Each structure stands twice: as structure tokens, then as C-alpha cells.
Amino acid sequence: MSTEPDLLYAEEEDALRAAVRDLLTDHCDPAGVIARTESDTPHDRETWKALTEGMGLAGLLVPEAQGGQGATHREAAVVLEELGRSVAPVPYLTSAVVATEALLACGTDDLLAELASGRTVGALAVGLHVAPGGAFKAVRPENGTLHGELTGIADAAIADVLLVPAADGGLYIVEADAVTVTPQVPLDLTRPLAAVTLDGARARRIGDAEPAVRRALRTGAGLLASEQLGLAEWSLTETVRYLKERKQFNRPVGGFQALKHRLAQLWLDVVHLRAAARNAADALTTGEDVDVAVAVAHAYAAPVAVRAAEEALQLHGGIGMTWEHPVQLHLKRAKADSIAYGTAGAHRETVAELVDLQAP
């Protein structure tokens, strides 16, 4: 008999949030993130090392028997909220969540332990835009090697190993130095994309691609809502703070009624997003109504995160339009996230199918 989920943050989750926020405050300041987007090395390896080797966060979803922390998707969601607030350029979602879930589906203990330690970064070689259950491109296997090209692969440039689906239905492990990674220019420079070319790359089959990819993308889509929650919360908090300080006609701009109404509506949207994101994380933890919870969270999260970032940019006035202000990082990440692991529209269609509410 199922019970109503408790979506409130547990004491341990609040403690985890505080620790991650403190670490990111020290290691991942907005000016540093902006500077990295202007360089050839957008990934922040120092912050990644602090999160993984220092706090063990890469192994949250990996059972203790397989070298991980044995935590749940709720804890991973809290980490992603904070990473979203900071727009941290680290491969947590792609390696510690998506690639890890694919490996859990295949039972590859040796590589799971490596990813859990954070010293090895994995990437699922499926386009970032692909929704759970959607069609994904596969490469051609031939005598233990793989041939083909895959595009739109998130964080491929920093990955040590790639999990590659092949046309024979298998999921293969390929060392990153055996492939050619060509950077692609994304809107969000903090989560780089790349094309991966396999020309006779040696590979080891670890399991069936379809169930592993579906599990990985479903978890990625569900926990992405928590990253989008972090983006939206930062946008709202920073906008309120700025409007309290900014004065016009000798009074705080935030005191104007029209702006109060806009912020109140945005606050309601963020509260609703928190409920949807928490529900998705809890469903992934318990295994109950997962498909519906993930689709609802993703469908709701994308437009709210984008709207929150757009409001932040508009209400910051001229300073919000500058490259130096971090609002541009949040807007670009929100826009990129809105098409990651399926669009909001695609997930609304999924909800309609799951609850039998088809459009006429």
C-alpha cells in the first residue's frame, strides 16, 4: 500500500545543500564562470575535484557495494539545485547522473566505481535533445570496433569514457582517446556540446542499449527539473534583492505595484516548480509513478526557468544586458535546458498519453 510522499526537505538534505552551497561559493564565483566561457577550457576541473574527491558527490546514486555513497535521487536533486544556482560548469548531470544510470542498468561494477570516485568522467553518447523513450542514433559495429558519427553530445570534451549505442542493440564502452571529439558551439557555453566520430574505435559491449538509454534519459529529465529549479530560484532571489536596492524617484523600484505583481506571480511559479521537481526526485527514489512524475516536472520546469531568467534580465535594467552580469549565464542555461532531454511540449504529450487525456 503506497503512502503520500513527503516532499519536504529532510534534515540531511538541508545539511547537504548548505555544504554544497558553501563549496560553490568558494570555488565557483560568477566572474570565474564567465571567464571560463571565454576560454578554451570551460569545464571547471578544480570545482569538479572538490565536489567528487572532497565530498564524494559523484557516487550518490551508486550503491555502497559498488563503490558509491548509496544515497537516493532526492540527494542528487539537492546537489543539482545548487549547481543550477551557480551554473557550475561541471559534468555532474552527464556523468554522475545520466552515464551512471546507464551503467546501473548494465551492472558494470568496475566502471561504476570509477565514475563514483569522480576521477573518471563518463558521457552517454546520445544527443542532449533526445527525450526518454525517443529515437536515438546508433553507430555501426564491426568486429569489436564502432564506426559512425554522433552529434550534440554534452560534456564529451571532458569525458574519459563514452557509452555508445550501436545498431546491433548493444551499449558499448569506448575510451575517449579512441574517438575524435569536435566541439560544437552551443548557446550555453557552460555545458559544451560536441560531435563524436568513431572510425574503428575499439569497444566493449556491456549491455542492451534501449533499456539502459531509456533509464538514463528518464532520470536525466527528472533531475534536470531540480537544476531548473535552482536556476529559477536564483533569478527570483537576485531580482528581488536588486529591486530593493535600486531606487527611482527616490524610492526602491521594488515598491512599484506593477513590479510587485510580476514578482508575486513568479514566486508562485517557482513554488509550483519546486513541488514538481521534488515529486520527480521522490518518484525516481521510490519507483512509483515515475514516468508521469518526470514528464510533469519537465513540462513545467522548462518554461518557468526561462521566464524567471527573462524577468531577471528585464528587471535588472541596463546592467542585466551586460556580459559581465551573471544573469546571462542563467538565461542561456535555462534556454538550453528547455530542449534538453525533450521539450516541454513533448513531455506534455507524454503526460497526455500516460493519463489518457488525448487532445481532440
Protein backbone atom coordinates (compact mmCIF):
# COMPACT_ATOMS: atom_id res chain seq x y z
CA MET A 1 0.00 0.00 0.00
CA SER A 2 1.56 3.28 -1.15
CA THR A 3 1.68 6.34 1.10
CA GLU A 4 1.66 10.01 0.22
CA PRO A 5 5.21 11.19 -0.50
CA ASP A 6 6.84 13.64 1.88
CA LEU A 7 8.32 16.24 -0.45
CA LEU A 8 9.73 18.46 2.30
CA TYR A 9 13.50 18.57 2.58
CA ALA A 10 14.88 16.25 5.23
CA GLU A 11 17.43 17.50 7.73
CA GLU A 12 20.17 15.60 5.93
CA GLU A 13 19.19 17.18 2.62
CA ASP A 14 19.32 20.67 4.13
CA ALA A 15 22.78 19.90 5.51
CA LEU A 16 23.91 18.64 2.11
CA ARG A 17 22.58 21.81 0.45
CA ALA A 18 24.46 24.04 2.89
CA ALA A 19 27.72 22.16 2.31
CA VAL A 20 27.42 22.25 -1.48
CA ARG A 21 26.45 25.93 -1.49
CA ASP A 22 29.44 26.82 0.69
CA LEU A 23 31.76 24.89 -1.61
CA LEU A 24 30.38 26.54 -4.73
CA THR A 25 30.59 29.97 -3.13
CA ASP A 26 34.30 29.36 -2.59
CA HIS A 27 35.09 27.68 -5.90
CA CYS A 28 32.55 28.81 -8.48
CA ASP A 29 32.05 32.57 -8.45
CA PRO A 30 30.14 34.15 -11.39
CA ALA A 31 33.15 36.10 -12.66
CA GLY A 32 35.17 32.89 -12.83
CA VAL A 33 32.42 31.04 -14.70
CA ILE A 34 32.11 33.87 -17.23
CA ALA A 35 35.87 33.90 -17.72
CA ARG A 36 35.84 30.17 -18.40
CA THR A 37 33.18 30.55 -21.11
CA GLU A 38 35.59 32.88 -22.89
CA SER A 39 38.44 30.35 -22.75
CA ASP A 40 39.22 27.04 -24.40
CA THR A 41 38.60 25.18 -21.12
CA PRO A 42 35.02 25.91 -19.99
CA HIS A 43 34.93 22.93 -17.62
CA ASP A 44 35.98 23.69 -14.05
CA ARG A 45 38.12 20.72 -13.07
CA GLU A 46 39.03 22.20 -9.67
CA THR A 47 35.38 22.51 -8.65
CA TRP A 48 34.67 19.03 -10.00
CA LYS A 49 37.51 17.61 -7.91
CA ALA A 50 36.22 19.38 -4.80
CA LEU A 51 32.69 18.06 -5.37
CA THR A 52 33.79 14.50 -6.09
CA GLU A 53 37.03 13.70 -4.28
CA GLY A 54 36.32 16.17 -1.49
CA MET A 55 32.62 15.41 -0.88
CA GLY A 56 32.02 12.13 -2.72
CA LEU A 57 29.04 13.52 -4.63
CA ALA A 58 29.73 11.70 -7.91
CA GLY A 59 28.76 8.43 -6.24
CA LEU A 60 25.45 9.44 -4.67
CA LEU A 61 23.41 7.17 -6.95
CA VAL A 62 25.85 4.26 -6.79
CA PRO A 63 25.26 1.60 -4.09
CA GLU A 64 27.93 1.30 -1.41
CA ALA A 65 28.73 -2.25 -2.52
CA GLN A 66 29.72 -0.84 -5.90
CA GLY A 67 31.92 1.94 -4.56
CA GLY A 68 29.35 4.72 -4.15
CA GLN A 69 27.53 6.56 -1.38
CA GLY A 70 24.28 4.61 -1.60
CA ALA A 71 22.13 7.75 -1.43
CA THR A 72 18.95 8.47 -3.41
CA HIS A 73 17.75 10.68 -6.24
CA ARG A 74 16.48 13.15 -3.65
CA GLU A 75 20.02 13.92 -2.53
CA ALA A 76 21.23 14.14 -6.13
CA ALA A 77 18.37 16.58 -6.81
CA VAL A 78 19.56 18.84 -3.98
CA VAL A 79 23.06 18.89 -5.47
CA LEU A 80 21.64 19.77 -8.88
CA GLU A 81 19.60 22.63 -7.40
CA GLU A 82 22.79 24.19 -6.10
CA LEU A 83 24.69 23.53 -9.32
CA GLY A 84 21.84 25.25 -11.16
CA ARG A 85 22.03 28.28 -8.88
CA SER A 86 25.74 28.62 -9.68
CA VAL A 87 25.51 27.48 -13.33
CA ALA A 88 28.54 25.40 -12.42
CA PRO A 89 30.47 24.15 -15.49
CA VAL A 90 30.92 20.59 -14.19
CA PRO A 91 29.75 17.29 -15.73
CA TYR A 92 27.60 16.26 -12.76
CA LEU A 93 24.33 15.72 -14.65
CA THR A 94 26.00 13.97 -17.57
CA SER A 95 28.43 11.75 -15.64
CA ALA A 96 27.17 11.31 -12.06
CA VAL A 97 23.52 11.00 -13.14
CA VAL A 98 22.96 10.04 -16.79
CA ALA A 99 26.05 7.92 -17.51
CA THR A 100 25.86 6.38 -14.04
CA GLU A 101 22.21 5.37 -14.51
CA ALA A 102 23.08 3.72 -17.82
CA LEU A 103 25.81 1.71 -16.13
CA LEU A 104 23.50 0.75 -13.27
CA ALA A 105 21.14 -0.71 -15.87
CA CYS A 106 24.01 -2.80 -17.23
CA GLY A 107 25.58 -3.80 -13.91
CA THR A 108 29.09 -2.71 -14.83
CA ASP A 109 30.61 -2.61 -11.36
CA ASP A 110 34.21 -1.77 -12.25
CA LEU A 111 33.36 1.32 -14.25
CA LEU A 112 30.65 2.35 -11.78
CA ALA A 113 33.26 2.55 -9.03
CA GLU A 114 35.46 4.71 -11.24
CA LEU A 115 32.63 7.13 -12.02
CA ALA A 116 31.60 7.18 -8.36
CA SER A 117 35.07 8.35 -7.38
CA GLY A 118 34.87 11.24 -9.84
CA ARG A 119 38.33 10.51 -11.18
CA THR A 120 36.74 9.07 -14.33
CA VAL A 121 34.12 11.11 -16.19
CA GLY A 122 31.59 9.29 -18.34
CA ALA A 123 29.22 10.54 -21.01
CA LEU A 124 26.31 8.82 -22.70
CA ALA A 125 26.79 9.31 -26.43
CA VAL A 126 23.18 10.28 -27.11
CA GLY A 127 22.22 13.77 -28.23
CA LEU A 128 21.27 16.06 -25.35
CA HIS A 129 17.96 16.83 -27.07
CA VAL A 130 16.70 13.22 -27.03
CA ALA A 131 13.71 12.60 -24.76
CA PRO A 132 13.21 9.44 -22.67
CA GLY A 133 11.79 6.79 -24.96
CA GLY A 134 12.71 8.85 -28.03
CA ALA A 135 14.66 7.60 -31.02
CA PHE A 136 18.42 7.92 -30.69
CA LYS A 137 21.17 7.48 -33.25
CA ALA A 138 23.29 4.34 -33.14
CA VAL A 139 26.65 3.62 -34.76
CA ARG A 140 27.72 0.60 -36.79
CA PRO A 141 29.54 -2.26 -35.03
CA GLU A 142 32.14 -4.30 -36.89
CA ASN A 143 34.45 -6.94 -35.41
CA GLY A 144 34.69 -5.32 -31.98
CA THR A 145 35.01 -1.79 -33.35
CA LEU A 146 32.49 1.02 -33.90
CA HIS A 147 32.02 3.30 -36.88
CA GLY A 148 29.87 6.42 -37.23
CA GLU A 149 29.27 9.96 -36.00
CA LEU A 150 27.11 11.22 -33.15
CA THR A 151 26.31 14.88 -32.56
CA GLY A 152 25.11 17.08 -29.72
CA ILE A 153 26.87 15.02 -27.03
CA ALA A 154 27.04 17.00 -23.79
CA ASP A 155 30.39 17.13 -21.96
CA ALA A 156 32.06 14.76 -24.43
CA ALA A 157 35.12 17.01 -24.38
CA ILE A 158 35.85 16.22 -20.73
CA ALA A 159 34.76 12.57 -20.74
CA ASP A 160 37.26 9.79 -20.17
CA VAL A 161 34.86 7.09 -21.38
CA LEU A 162 31.85 7.17 -23.68
CA LEU A 163 28.84 4.88 -23.53
CA VAL A 164 27.88 4.38 -27.16
CA PRO A 165 24.71 2.72 -28.50
CA ALA A 166 25.23 0.58 -31.60
CA ALA A 167 22.95 -0.65 -34.35
CA ASP A 168 23.10 -4.25 -33.06
CA GLY A 169 21.17 -3.12 -29.95
CA GLY A 170 24.17 -3.11 -27.66
CA LEU A 171 25.64 -0.41 -25.44
CA TYR A 172 29.42 -0.21 -25.70
CA ILE A 173 32.21 1.36 -23.64
CA VAL A 174 34.73 3.33 -25.70
CA GLU A 175 37.77 5.13 -24.36
CA ALA A 176 37.64 8.83 -25.19
CA ASP A 177 41.13 8.84 -26.68
CA ALA A 178 39.93 6.32 -29.31
CA VAL A 179 37.47 8.79 -30.86
CA THR A 180 37.59 12.24 -32.42
CA VAL A 181 35.73 14.89 -30.45
CA THR A 182 34.86 18.05 -32.39
CA PRO A 183 33.42 20.93 -30.33
CA GLN A 184 30.08 22.36 -31.41
CA VAL A 185 29.04 25.89 -30.46
CA PRO A 186 26.10 25.75 -28.02
CA LEU A 187 24.01 28.61 -26.65
CA ASP A 188 25.03 27.58 -23.13
CA LEU A 189 28.81 27.67 -23.03
CA THR A 190 28.89 26.17 -19.52
CA ARG A 191 27.66 22.80 -20.83
CA PRO A 192 29.67 22.25 -24.03
CA LEU A 193 28.41 20.01 -26.82
CA ALA A 194 30.49 18.06 -29.31
CA ALA A 195 30.34 15.75 -32.27
CA VAL A 196 31.93 12.34 -31.68
CA THR A 197 33.42 10.48 -34.65
CA LEU A 198 34.18 6.79 -34.30
CA ASP A 199 36.43 5.38 -37.02
CA GLY A 200 37.22 1.84 -35.98
CA ALA A 201 37.24 2.62 -32.25
CA ARG A 202 37.80 -0.43 -30.07
CA ALA A 203 34.74 -1.09 -27.90
CA ARG A 204 33.44 -3.46 -25.22
CA ARG A 205 29.77 -4.38 -25.07
CA ILE A 206 28.29 -4.02 -21.58
CA GLY A 207 24.56 -4.49 -22.12
CA ASP A 208 21.46 -3.67 -24.13
CA ALA A 209 21.21 -0.08 -25.28
CA GLU A 210 17.45 0.52 -25.28
CA PRO A 211 16.65 -0.12 -21.58
CA ALA A 212 19.90 1.50 -20.41
CA VAL A 213 19.41 4.64 -22.50
CA ARG A 214 15.75 4.90 -21.53
CA ARG A 215 16.58 4.64 -17.82
CA ALA A 216 19.42 7.16 -18.12
CA LEU A 217 17.39 9.73 -20.06
CA ARG A 218 14.36 9.38 -17.79
CA THR A 219 16.50 10.05 -14.73
CA GLY A 220 18.27 12.90 -16.52
CA ALA A 221 14.97 14.51 -17.47
CA GLY A 222 13.55 14.09 -13.96
CA LEU A 223 16.54 15.54 -12.15
CA LEU A 224 17.06 18.29 -14.73
CA ALA A 225 13.92 19.85 -13.23
CA SER A 226 15.87 20.34 -10.00
CA GLU A 227 18.65 22.13 -11.87
CA GLN A 228 15.99 24.32 -13.48
CA LEU A 229 14.53 24.97 -10.01
CA GLY A 230 17.93 26.22 -8.86
CA LEU A 231 18.15 28.50 -11.90
CA ALA A 232 14.68 29.92 -11.26
CA GLU A 233 15.26 30.42 -7.53
CA TRP A 234 18.50 32.32 -8.16
CA SER A 235 16.78 34.52 -10.76
CA LEU A 236 13.93 35.36 -8.41
CA THR A 237 16.13 35.94 -5.34
CA GLU A 238 18.63 38.14 -7.15
CA THR A 239 15.88 40.16 -8.84
CA VAL A 240 14.10 40.84 -5.55
CA ARG A 241 17.39 41.84 -3.93
CA TYR A 242 18.25 44.21 -6.78
CA LEU A 243 14.83 45.86 -6.84
CA LYS A 244 15.03 46.54 -3.12
CA GLU A 245 18.35 48.36 -3.62
CA ARG A 246 17.69 50.13 -6.94
CA LYS A 247 15.94 53.48 -6.47
CA GLN A 248 13.91 55.57 -8.86
CA PHE A 249 12.06 58.78 -7.97
CA ASN A 250 13.75 58.47 -4.57
CA ARG A 251 12.05 55.16 -3.70
CA PRO A 252 13.01 51.48 -4.17
CA VAL A 253 11.96 50.19 -7.57
CA GLY A 254 10.59 47.08 -5.88
CA GLY A 255 7.92 49.18 -4.24
CA PHE A 256 6.09 49.82 -7.51
CA GLN A 257 2.84 47.86 -7.66
CA ALA A 258 3.27 46.54 -11.21
CA LEU A 259 6.63 45.00 -10.36
CA LYS A 260 5.26 43.51 -7.14
CA HIS A 261 2.61 41.70 -9.17
CA ARG A 262 5.18 40.31 -11.61
CA LEU A 263 7.39 39.05 -8.79
CA ALA A 264 4.46 37.57 -6.89
CA GLN A 265 3.41 35.57 -9.94
CA LEU A 266 6.97 34.43 -10.49
CA TRP A 267 7.21 33.35 -6.84
CA LEU A 268 4.09 31.22 -7.27
CA ASP A 269 5.55 29.64 -10.40
CA VAL A 270 8.79 28.79 -8.59
CA VAL A 271 6.89 27.27 -5.65
CA HIS A 272 4.92 25.08 -8.05
CA LEU A 273 8.13 24.13 -9.83
CA ARG A 274 9.69 23.10 -6.53
CA ALA A 275 6.77 20.76 -5.86
CA ALA A 276 7.01 19.21 -9.34
CA ALA A 277 10.79 18.79 -9.16
CA ARG A 278 10.67 17.30 -5.68
CA ASN A 279 7.93 14.92 -6.74
CA ALA A 280 10.02 13.72 -9.68
CA ALA A 281 13.05 13.14 -7.46
CA ASP A 282 10.93 11.28 -4.92
CA ALA A 283 9.29 9.15 -7.62
CA LEU A 284 12.70 8.20 -9.01
CA THR A 285 13.69 7.21 -5.47
CA THR A 286 10.60 5.11 -4.72
CA GLY A 287 9.92 3.82 -8.24
CA GLU A 288 6.23 4.82 -8.07
CA ASP A 289 4.55 6.68 -10.98
CA VAL A 290 7.96 7.62 -12.30
CA ASP A 291 7.03 8.29 -15.93
CA VAL A 292 4.18 10.64 -15.03
CA ALA A 293 6.17 12.48 -12.36
CA VAL A 294 9.16 13.01 -14.66
CA ALA A 295 7.05 14.18 -17.59
CA VAL A 296 5.05 16.61 -15.42
CA ALA A 297 8.19 18.05 -13.83
CA HIS A 298 9.99 18.50 -17.12
CA ALA A 299 6.96 20.00 -18.86
CA TYR A 300 6.51 22.55 -16.06
CA ALA A 301 10.16 23.32 -15.29
CA ALA A 302 11.39 24.49 -18.68
CA PRO A 303 9.02 27.46 -19.23
CA VAL A 304 9.27 28.58 -15.58
CA ALA A 305 13.08 28.59 -15.57
CA VAL A 306 13.19 30.51 -18.85
CA ARG A 307 10.58 33.02 -17.70
CA ALA A 308 12.38 33.57 -14.39
CA ALA A 309 15.68 34.26 -16.16
CA GLU A 310 13.98 36.56 -18.68
CA GLU A 311 12.31 38.52 -15.89
CA ALA A 312 15.65 38.79 -14.10
CA LEU A 313 17.28 40.21 -17.20
CA GLN A 314 14.46 42.68 -17.86
CA LEU A 315 14.08 43.87 -14.27
CA HIS A 316 17.80 44.35 -13.79
CA GLY A 317 17.57 47.02 -16.48
CA GLY A 318 20.72 48.03 -18.32
CA ILE A 319 23.10 46.11 -16.08
CA GLY A 320 21.21 42.90 -16.82
CA MET A 321 22.07 43.28 -20.50
CA THR A 322 25.82 43.30 -19.86
CA TRP A 323 28.12 40.33 -20.43
CA GLU A 324 29.66 40.84 -17.01
CA HIS A 325 26.39 40.21 -15.11
CA PRO A 326 25.70 36.52 -14.33
CA VAL A 327 22.05 36.75 -15.42
CA GLN A 328 23.19 35.95 -18.95
CA LEU A 329 24.61 32.63 -17.73
CA HIS A 330 21.29 31.67 -16.15
CA LEU A 331 19.23 32.69 -19.17
CA LYS A 332 21.41 30.68 -21.56
CA ARG A 333 21.41 27.62 -19.30
CA ALA A 334 17.62 27.88 -18.89
CA LYS A 335 17.10 28.14 -22.64
CA ALA A 336 19.45 25.21 -23.31
CA ASP A 337 17.79 23.12 -20.59
CA SER A 338 14.38 23.80 -22.16
CA ILE A 339 15.26 21.50 -25.06
CA ALA A 340 17.43 19.02 -23.15
CA TYR A 341 16.02 15.50 -22.74
CA GLY A 342 12.93 16.54 -24.70
CA THR A 343 10.99 19.78 -24.97
CA ALA A 344 8.19 20.81 -22.61
CA GLY A 345 5.72 20.17 -25.43
CA ALA A 346 6.99 16.63 -25.94
CA HIS A 347 6.63 15.90 -22.24
CA ARG A 348 3.10 17.35 -22.18
CA GLU A 349 2.22 14.90 -24.94
CA THR A 350 3.74 12.13 -22.83
CA VAL A 351 1.61 13.14 -19.86
CA ALA A 352 -1.49 13.10 -22.07
CA GLU A 353 -0.69 9.59 -23.26
CA LEU A 354 0.10 8.28 -19.77
CA VAL A 355 -3.14 9.56 -18.18
CA ASP A 356 -5.29 9.02 -21.30
CA LEU A 357 -6.14 12.66 -21.91
CA GLN A 358 -5.51 12.93 -25.62
CA ALA A 359 -6.25 16.19 -27.39
CA PRO A 360 -9.37 16.06 -29.63
